[in-house]
Amino acid sequence: MHAVTGSYARQNFVDYLGAKPDSISHGVPLEDFGHGHPDPNLTYANWLMSCIVAMDLISELQVMVCL
């Protein structure tokens, strides 16, 4: 979210939805998009997909432990 939407991440996710402040990644708007691509699609956001896949695996493991 290094684009203009980065400044809204904290307000929307933390202030309104109650997410933890450390759950915001790349929340500071940067002129060069943090040396990344401004379009966070699957081609340019491999790090984001890796995080999502890792969270899915952790969630599945937590469900398995709870069963």
Protein backbone atom coordinates (compact mmCIF):
# COMPACT_ATOMS: atom_id res chain seq x y z
CA MET A 1 0.00 0.00 0.00
CA HIS A 2 2.88 2.40 -0.63
CA ALA A 3 0.59 4.38 -2.94
CA VAL A 4 -1.90 7.00 -1.77
CA THR A 5 -4.00 4.28 -0.13
CA GLY A 6 -1.25 3.57 2.39
CA SER A 7 -2.29 6.49 4.56
CA TYR A 8 -5.81 5.10 4.78
CA ALA A 9 -4.71 1.63 5.85
CA ARG A 10 -4.23 2.53 9.51
CA GLN A 11 -7.46 4.51 9.66
CA ASN A 12 -9.57 1.82 8.00
CA PHE A 13 -8.06 -1.38 9.35
CA VAL A 14 -6.76 -0.31 12.78
CA ASP A 15 -9.05 2.53 13.87
CA TYR A 16 -12.33 1.32 12.36
CA LEU A 17 -11.96 -2.46 12.17
CA GLY A 18 -9.79 -2.99 15.23
CA ALA A 19 -6.84 -4.72 13.56
CA LYS A 20 -3.49 -4.69 15.33
CA PRO A 21 -1.24 -1.79 14.24
CA ASP A 22 1.53 -4.21 13.27
CA SER A 23 -0.83 -5.89 10.80
CA ILE A 24 -0.29 -3.03 8.34
CA SER A 25 2.51 -3.77 5.90
CA HIS A 26 3.96 -1.06 3.66
CA GLY A 27 1.53 1.50 5.06
CA VAL A 28 3.65 4.60 4.47
CA PRO A 29 3.06 6.32 1.12
CA LEU A 30 6.35 6.50 -0.77
CA GLU A 31 7.03 8.40 -3.97
CA ASP A 32 8.79 5.40 -5.52
CA PHE A 33 6.35 2.80 -4.11
CA GLY A 34 9.12 1.33 -1.96
CA HIS A 35 11.13 0.41 -5.07
CA GLY A 36 8.25 -1.85 -6.06
CA HIS A 37 5.55 -1.79 -8.70
CA PRO A 38 2.45 0.35 -8.02
CA ASP A 39 0.15 -2.46 -9.18
CA PRO A 40 -0.01 -5.17 -6.47
CA ASN A 41 -1.09 -8.01 -8.73
CA LEU A 42 0.28 -11.56 -8.58
CA THR A 43 3.13 -10.70 -10.93
CA TYR A 44 4.48 -7.84 -8.84
CA ALA A 45 3.41 -8.80 -5.30
CA ASN A 46 5.07 -12.16 -4.70
CA TRP A 47 5.85 -11.14 -1.12
CA LEU A 48 2.14 -10.50 -0.50
CA MET A 49 1.10 -13.86 -1.90
CA SER A 50 3.77 -15.58 0.21
CA CYS A 51 2.33 -13.95 3.33
CA ILE A 52 -1.22 -14.96 2.42
CA VAL A 53 -0.22 -18.56 1.72
CA ALA A 54 1.72 -18.69 5.00
CA MET A 55 -1.28 -17.32 6.92
CA ASP A 56 -3.54 -19.90 5.27
CA LEU A 57 -1.21 -22.70 6.31
CA ILE A 58 -1.03 -21.40 9.88
CA SER A 59 -4.83 -21.13 10.03
CA GLU A 60 -5.23 -24.68 8.77
CA LEU A 61 -2.77 -25.95 11.37
CA GLN A 62 -4.61 -24.09 14.14
CA VAL A 63 -7.91 -25.64 13.04
CA MET A 64 -6.32 -29.10 12.97
CA VAL A 65 -4.95 -28.61 16.51
CA CYS A 66 -8.35 -27.46 17.75
CA LEU A 67 -10.08 -30.53 16.33
